Amino acid sequence: MQAESKQLEPALKKCPACAEQILVEAKKCKHCGECVDFMASAVEKINNPKPVAIVVKSEASPGVAAVLALWPGLGHLYRGQLFSALAWFVFISIGYVCLFVPGILLHLLSIYSAYRNK
């Protein structure tokens, strides 16, 4: 007889708001009147948050690269092209040391290259 009475007992749980015993299927606590279903899901979300992936997509702006290229090689460095940045810096510096006109031409070409490079 005792085994049969244990099977017929309703399943109980604690109310997340007032900690009184209520039925597992209850949507609202009969003691405090709180919505148990909503609170249980909110408490579950707080206690077990889902991981959130944050994807940051940074794309170099051609305009910013062109403006930075006013300093030889800096536009390419902004775009993440270290070798190109160093090469442009060296060639433009040599162009300015040798003669002003080749330096200006190389500098303009560097600015255009920084703007167009993807």
N, C-alpha and C. Protein backbone atom coordinates (compact mmCIF):
# COMPACT_ATOMS: atom_id res chain seq x y z
N MET A 1 0.81 -1.20 0.00
CA MET A 1 0.00 0.00 0.00
C MET A 1 0.85 1.26 0.00
N GLN A 2 1.94 1.26 0.74
CA GLN A 2 2.76 2.46 0.81
C GLN A 2 3.41 2.76 -0.54
N ALA A 3 3.77 1.74 -1.30
CA ALA A 3 4.38 1.94 -2.61
C ALA A 3 3.41 2.63 -3.54
N GLU A 4 2.11 2.25 -3.44
CA GLU A 4 1.10 2.87 -4.31
C GLU A 4 0.88 4.32 -3.93
N SER A 5 0.93 4.67 -2.66
CA SER A 5 0.69 6.05 -2.23
C SER A 5 1.85 6.96 -2.63
N LYS A 6 3.08 6.40 -2.65
CA LYS A 6 4.23 7.20 -3.08
C LYS A 6 4.14 7.51 -4.56
N GLN A 7 3.62 6.63 -5.35
CA GLN A 7 3.50 6.86 -6.79
C GLN A 7 2.45 7.91 -7.10
N LEU A 8 1.46 8.05 -6.24
CA LEU A 8 0.39 9.00 -6.49
C LEU A 8 0.71 10.41 -5.99
N GLU A 9 1.79 10.58 -5.19
CA GLU A 9 2.14 11.90 -4.70
C GLU A 9 2.60 12.78 -5.85
N PRO A 10 2.13 14.02 -5.88
CA PRO A 10 2.54 14.90 -6.98
C PRO A 10 3.99 15.34 -6.81
N ALA A 11 4.63 15.59 -7.92
CA ALA A 11 6.01 16.06 -7.89
C ALA A 11 6.02 17.53 -7.48
N LEU A 12 6.90 17.86 -6.54
CA LEU A 12 6.95 19.22 -6.02
C LEU A 12 8.31 19.85 -6.31
N LYS A 13 8.33 21.16 -6.30
CA LYS A 13 9.57 21.93 -6.43
C LYS A 13 9.42 23.18 -5.60
N LYS A 14 10.53 23.89 -5.39
CA LYS A 14 10.49 25.14 -4.63
C LYS A 14 10.21 26.30 -5.57
N CYS A 15 9.39 27.22 -5.10
CA CYS A 15 9.12 28.45 -5.85
C CYS A 15 10.40 29.30 -5.83
N PRO A 16 10.86 29.79 -6.99
CA PRO A 16 12.08 30.60 -6.99
C PRO A 16 11.92 31.94 -6.28
N ALA A 17 10.68 32.40 -6.08
CA ALA A 17 10.46 33.69 -5.44
C ALA A 17 10.36 33.57 -3.92
N CYS A 18 9.56 32.58 -3.43
CA CYS A 18 9.31 32.51 -1.98
C CYS A 18 9.82 31.22 -1.35
N ALA A 19 10.30 30.28 -2.13
CA ALA A 19 10.87 29.02 -1.67
C ALA A 19 9.84 28.07 -1.04
N GLU A 20 8.57 28.29 -1.27
CA GLU A 20 7.52 27.38 -0.80
C GLU A 20 7.40 26.23 -1.80
N GLN A 21 6.91 25.08 -1.33
CA GLN A 21 6.73 23.90 -2.18
C GLN A 21 5.50 24.10 -3.07
N ILE A 22 5.68 23.90 -4.38
CA ILE A 22 4.58 23.99 -5.33
C ILE A 22 4.69 22.84 -6.31
N LEU A 23 3.66 22.61 -7.09
CA LEU A 23 3.70 21.54 -8.10
C LEU A 23 4.70 21.88 -9.19
N VAL A 24 5.30 20.85 -9.75
CA VAL A 24 6.28 21.03 -10.82
C VAL A 24 5.62 21.67 -12.04
N GLU A 25 4.37 21.32 -12.32
CA GLU A 25 3.67 21.84 -13.48
C GLU A 25 3.11 23.25 -13.28
N ALA A 26 3.24 23.80 -12.08
CA ALA A 26 2.63 25.10 -11.76
C ALA A 26 3.23 26.22 -12.60
N LYS A 27 2.38 27.09 -13.09
CA LYS A 27 2.81 28.27 -13.83
C LYS A 27 2.88 29.49 -12.92
N LYS A 28 2.09 29.44 -11.83
CA LYS A 28 2.01 30.54 -10.89
C LYS A 28 2.04 29.97 -9.48
N CYS A 29 2.80 30.61 -8.58
CA CYS A 29 2.90 30.15 -7.20
C CYS A 29 1.62 30.49 -6.45
N LYS A 30 1.07 29.49 -5.74
CA LYS A 30 -0.17 29.73 -4.99
C LYS A 30 0.09 30.48 -3.69
N HIS A 31 1.35 30.56 -3.26
CA HIS A 31 1.69 31.24 -2.00
C HIS A 31 1.98 32.73 -2.21
N CYS A 32 2.79 33.04 -3.22
CA CYS A 32 3.19 34.44 -3.41
C CYS A 32 2.57 35.08 -4.65
N GLY A 33 2.03 34.27 -5.56
CA GLY A 33 1.38 34.80 -6.75
C GLY A 33 2.32 35.11 -7.91
N GLU A 34 3.62 34.81 -7.77
CA GLU A 34 4.58 35.08 -8.84
C GLU A 34 4.45 34.06 -9.97
N CYS A 35 4.74 34.51 -11.17
CA CYS A 35 4.76 33.60 -12.33
C CYS A 35 6.02 32.75 -12.23
N VAL A 36 5.85 31.50 -11.93
CA VAL A 36 6.97 30.60 -11.68
C VAL A 36 7.66 30.20 -12.97
N ASP A 37 6.90 29.97 -14.01
CA ASP A 37 7.47 29.53 -15.27
C ASP A 37 8.43 30.58 -15.82
N PHE A 38 8.02 31.83 -15.79
CA PHE A 38 8.87 32.92 -16.28
C PHE A 38 10.10 33.08 -15.40
N MET A 39 9.89 33.04 -14.08
CA MET A 39 11.01 33.23 -13.17
C MET A 39 12.02 32.10 -13.26
N ALA A 40 11.52 30.89 -13.42
CA ALA A 40 12.43 29.74 -13.52
C ALA A 40 13.30 29.86 -14.76
N SER A 41 12.71 30.28 -15.87
CA SER A 41 13.51 30.41 -17.09
C SER A 41 14.48 31.58 -16.97
N ALA A 42 14.08 32.66 -16.28
CA ALA A 42 14.98 33.80 -16.08
C ALA A 42 16.13 33.43 -15.17
N VAL A 43 15.84 32.71 -14.10
CA VAL A 43 16.89 32.26 -13.18
C VAL A 43 17.83 31.31 -13.89
N GLU A 44 17.30 30.44 -14.72
CA GLU A 44 18.12 29.50 -15.48
C GLU A 44 19.05 30.24 -16.43
N LYS A 45 18.53 31.27 -17.08
CA LYS A 45 19.36 32.06 -18.01
C LYS A 45 20.46 32.82 -17.28
N ILE A 46 20.15 33.29 -16.08
CA ILE A 46 21.16 34.01 -15.30
C ILE A 46 22.24 33.06 -14.79
N ASN A 47 21.81 31.90 -14.31
CA ASN A 47 22.76 30.94 -13.75
C ASN A 47 23.57 30.21 -14.81
N ASN A 48 23.01 29.99 -15.99
CA ASN A 48 23.69 29.28 -17.07
C ASN A 48 23.63 30.10 -18.36
N PRO A 49 24.39 31.17 -18.44
CA PRO A 49 24.33 31.99 -19.66
C PRO A 49 24.95 31.25 -20.84
N LYS A 50 24.41 31.50 -22.01
CA LYS A 50 24.96 30.91 -23.22
C LYS A 50 26.13 31.77 -23.68
N PRO A 51 27.20 31.14 -24.16
CA PRO A 51 28.33 31.93 -24.64
C PRO A 51 27.95 32.72 -25.89
N VAL A 52 28.44 33.92 -25.96
CA VAL A 52 28.14 34.79 -27.09
C VAL A 52 29.43 35.05 -27.83
N ALA A 53 29.40 34.82 -29.11
CA ALA A 53 30.57 35.09 -29.93
C ALA A 53 30.46 36.50 -30.50
N ILE A 54 31.48 37.29 -30.26
CA ILE A 54 31.51 38.65 -30.78
C ILE A 54 32.53 38.67 -31.90
N VAL A 55 32.05 39.00 -33.06
CA VAL A 55 32.92 39.05 -34.23
C VAL A 55 33.13 40.52 -34.59
N VAL A 56 34.37 40.92 -34.55
CA VAL A 56 34.71 42.28 -34.92
C VAL A 56 35.39 42.24 -36.28
N LYS A 57 34.76 42.85 -37.22
CA LYS A 57 35.31 42.88 -38.56
C LYS A 57 35.88 44.26 -38.80
N SER A 58 37.19 44.31 -38.88
CA SER A 58 37.80 45.60 -39.14
C SER A 58 38.39 45.57 -40.54
N GLU A 59 37.90 46.43 -41.34
CA GLU A 59 38.39 46.53 -42.70
C GLU A 59 39.04 47.89 -42.86
N ALA A 60 40.22 47.90 -43.42
CA ALA A 60 40.95 49.14 -43.60
C ALA A 60 40.26 50.01 -44.65
N SER A 61 40.09 51.26 -44.31
CA SER A 61 39.46 52.21 -45.21
C SER A 61 40.48 52.72 -46.23
N PRO A 62 40.13 52.70 -47.52
CA PRO A 62 41.07 53.21 -48.53
C PRO A 62 41.38 54.69 -48.33
N GLY A 63 40.39 55.47 -47.92
CA GLY A 63 40.61 56.90 -47.71
C GLY A 63 41.58 57.17 -46.58
N VAL A 64 41.42 56.45 -45.49
CA VAL A 64 42.32 56.61 -44.35
C VAL A 64 43.73 56.16 -44.75
N ALA A 65 43.83 55.09 -45.50
CA ALA A 65 45.14 54.61 -45.96
C ALA A 65 45.81 55.65 -46.84
N ALA A 66 45.04 56.31 -47.71
CA ALA A 66 45.62 57.34 -48.58
C ALA A 66 46.11 58.54 -47.77
N VAL A 67 45.34 58.95 -46.78
CA VAL A 67 45.76 60.09 -45.95
C VAL A 67 47.00 59.73 -45.14
N LEU A 68 47.02 58.52 -44.58
CA LEU A 68 48.19 58.09 -43.81
C LEU A 68 49.43 57.94 -44.70
N ALA A 69 49.22 57.66 -45.97
CA ALA A 69 50.34 57.48 -46.90
C ALA A 69 51.05 58.80 -47.20
N LEU A 70 50.52 59.90 -46.71
CA LEU A 70 51.26 61.16 -46.84
C LEU A 70 52.60 61.05 -46.12
N TRP A 71 52.66 60.22 -45.10
CA TRP A 71 53.94 59.84 -44.50
C TRP A 71 54.33 58.53 -45.18
N PRO A 72 55.42 58.49 -45.89
CA PRO A 72 55.78 57.33 -46.71
C PRO A 72 55.69 56.00 -45.97
N GLY A 73 54.88 55.11 -46.51
CA GLY A 73 54.74 53.75 -45.99
C GLY A 73 53.69 53.57 -44.92
N LEU A 74 53.20 54.64 -44.32
CA LEU A 74 52.26 54.50 -43.22
C LEU A 74 50.90 53.98 -43.68
N GLY A 75 50.48 54.33 -44.90
CA GLY A 75 49.21 53.83 -45.44
C GLY A 75 49.24 52.32 -45.63
N HIS A 76 50.37 51.81 -46.10
CA HIS A 76 50.50 50.36 -46.27
C HIS A 76 50.58 49.66 -44.91
N LEU A 77 51.23 50.30 -43.96
CA LEU A 77 51.31 49.74 -42.62
C LEU A 77 49.92 49.66 -41.99
N TYR A 78 49.10 50.68 -42.22
CA TYR A 78 47.72 50.68 -41.73
C TYR A 78 46.93 49.51 -42.32
N ARG A 79 47.20 49.15 -43.55
CA ARG A 79 46.52 48.02 -44.20
C ARG A 79 47.13 46.67 -43.82
N GLY A 80 48.18 46.69 -43.00
CA GLY A 80 48.78 45.44 -42.55
C GLY A 80 49.83 44.88 -43.48
N GLN A 81 50.38 45.71 -44.35
CA GLN A 81 51.39 45.26 -45.31
C GLN A 81 52.75 45.81 -44.89
N LEU A 82 53.40 45.11 -43.98
CA LEU A 82 54.65 45.58 -43.39
C LEU A 82 55.77 45.69 -44.43
N PHE A 83 55.93 44.66 -45.25
CA PHE A 83 57.00 44.69 -46.25
C PHE A 83 56.82 45.83 -47.24
N SER A 84 55.58 46.01 -47.72
CA SER A 84 55.32 47.11 -48.65
C SER A 84 55.57 48.46 -47.99
N ALA A 85 55.19 48.59 -46.72
CA ALA A 85 55.39 49.84 -46.00
C ALA A 85 56.88 50.18 -45.91
N LEU A 86 57.69 49.18 -45.55
CA LEU A 86 59.13 49.41 -45.45
C LEU A 86 59.74 49.73 -46.82
N ALA A 87 59.31 49.00 -47.85
CA ALA A 87 59.84 49.23 -49.20
C ALA A 87 59.50 50.63 -49.69
N TRP A 88 58.25 51.05 -49.53
CA TRP A 88 57.87 52.40 -49.97
C TRP A 88 58.63 53.46 -49.18
N PHE A 89 58.80 53.26 -47.89
CA PHE A 89 59.53 54.23 -47.09
C PHE A 89 60.97 54.39 -47.59
N VAL A 90 61.63 53.26 -47.84
CA VAL A 90 63.02 53.29 -48.30
C VAL A 90 63.11 53.93 -49.67
N PHE A 91 62.29 53.51 -50.63
CA PHE A 91 62.38 54.05 -52.00
C PHE A 91 62.03 55.54 -52.07
N ILE A 92 61.04 55.94 -51.32
CA ILE A 92 60.66 57.36 -51.34
C ILE A 92 61.76 58.20 -50.67
N SER A 93 62.32 57.69 -49.60
CA SER A 93 63.42 58.41 -48.94
C SER A 93 64.61 58.56 -49.88
N ILE A 94 64.96 57.49 -50.57
CA ILE A 94 66.06 57.55 -51.55
C ILE A 94 65.71 58.53 -52.67
N GLY A 95 64.46 58.50 -53.12
CA GLY A 95 64.03 59.42 -54.18
C GLY A 95 64.16 60.87 -53.76
N TYR A 96 63.82 61.18 -52.53
CA TYR A 96 63.94 62.56 -52.04
C TYR A 96 65.41 62.95 -51.85
N VAL A 97 66.25 62.01 -51.42
CA VAL A 97 67.67 62.32 -51.23
C VAL A 97 68.34 62.56 -52.58
N CYS A 98 68.05 61.72 -53.56
CA CYS A 98 68.69 61.85 -54.87
C CYS A 98 68.22 63.11 -55.59
N LEU A 99 66.97 63.29 -55.66
CA LEU A 99 66.41 64.43 -56.36
C LEU A 99 64.96 64.58 -55.93
N PHE A 100 64.48 65.79 -55.88
CA PHE A 100 63.16 66.06 -55.35
C PHE A 100 62.05 65.47 -56.23
N VAL A 101 62.18 65.55 -57.56
CA VAL A 101 61.11 65.10 -58.47
C VAL A 101 60.85 63.60 -58.37
N PRO A 102 61.87 62.74 -58.39
CA PRO A 102 61.56 61.30 -58.23
C PRO A 102 60.92 60.99 -56.88
N GLY A 103 61.32 61.72 -55.86
CA GLY A 103 60.72 61.51 -54.55
C GLY A 103 59.24 61.85 -54.56
N ILE A 104 58.87 62.96 -55.20
CA ILE A 104 57.45 63.37 -55.29
C ILE A 104 56.67 62.34 -56.09
N LEU A 105 57.22 61.90 -57.22
CA LEU A 105 56.51 60.91 -58.05
C LEU A 105 56.31 59.59 -57.29
N LEU A 106 57.36 59.13 -56.62
CA LEU A 106 57.23 57.89 -55.84
C LEU A 106 56.25 58.08 -54.69
N HIS A 107 56.24 59.26 -54.10
CA HIS A 107 55.33 59.52 -52.99
C HIS A 107 53.88 59.48 -53.46
N LEU A 108 53.58 60.11 -54.59
CA LEU A 108 52.23 60.07 -55.15
C LEU A 108 51.83 58.65 -55.53
N LEU A 109 52.77 57.91 -56.11
CA LEU A 109 52.50 56.52 -56.46
C LEU A 109 52.22 55.69 -55.21
N SER A 110 52.94 55.96 -54.13
CA SER A 110 52.71 55.27 -52.86
C SER A 110 51.32 55.57 -52.31
N ILE A 111 50.89 56.82 -52.38
CA ILE A 111 49.56 57.19 -51.89
C ILE A 111 48.49 56.47 -52.70
N TYR A 112 48.65 56.45 -54.01
CA TYR A 112 47.69 55.75 -54.87
C TYR A 112 47.68 54.25 -54.56
N SER A 113 48.85 53.68 -54.37
CA SER A 113 48.96 52.26 -54.06
C SER A 113 48.28 51.93 -52.74
N ALA A 114 48.46 52.78 -51.74
CA ALA A 114 47.82 52.55 -50.43
C ALA A 114 46.32 52.66 -50.57
N TYR A 115 45.83 53.54 -51.43
CA TYR A 115 44.40 53.71 -51.62
C TYR A 115 43.78 52.51 -52.35
N ARG A 116 44.44 52.02 -53.38
CA ARG A 116 43.89 50.96 -54.23
C ARG A 116 44.13 49.55 -53.69
N ASN A 117 45.13 49.34 -52.88
CA ASN A 117 45.49 48.00 -52.41
C ASN A 117 44.39 47.42 -51.53
N LYS A 118 44.10 46.14 -51.72
CA LYS A 118 43.05 45.49 -50.95
C LYS A 118 43.58 44.39 -50.13
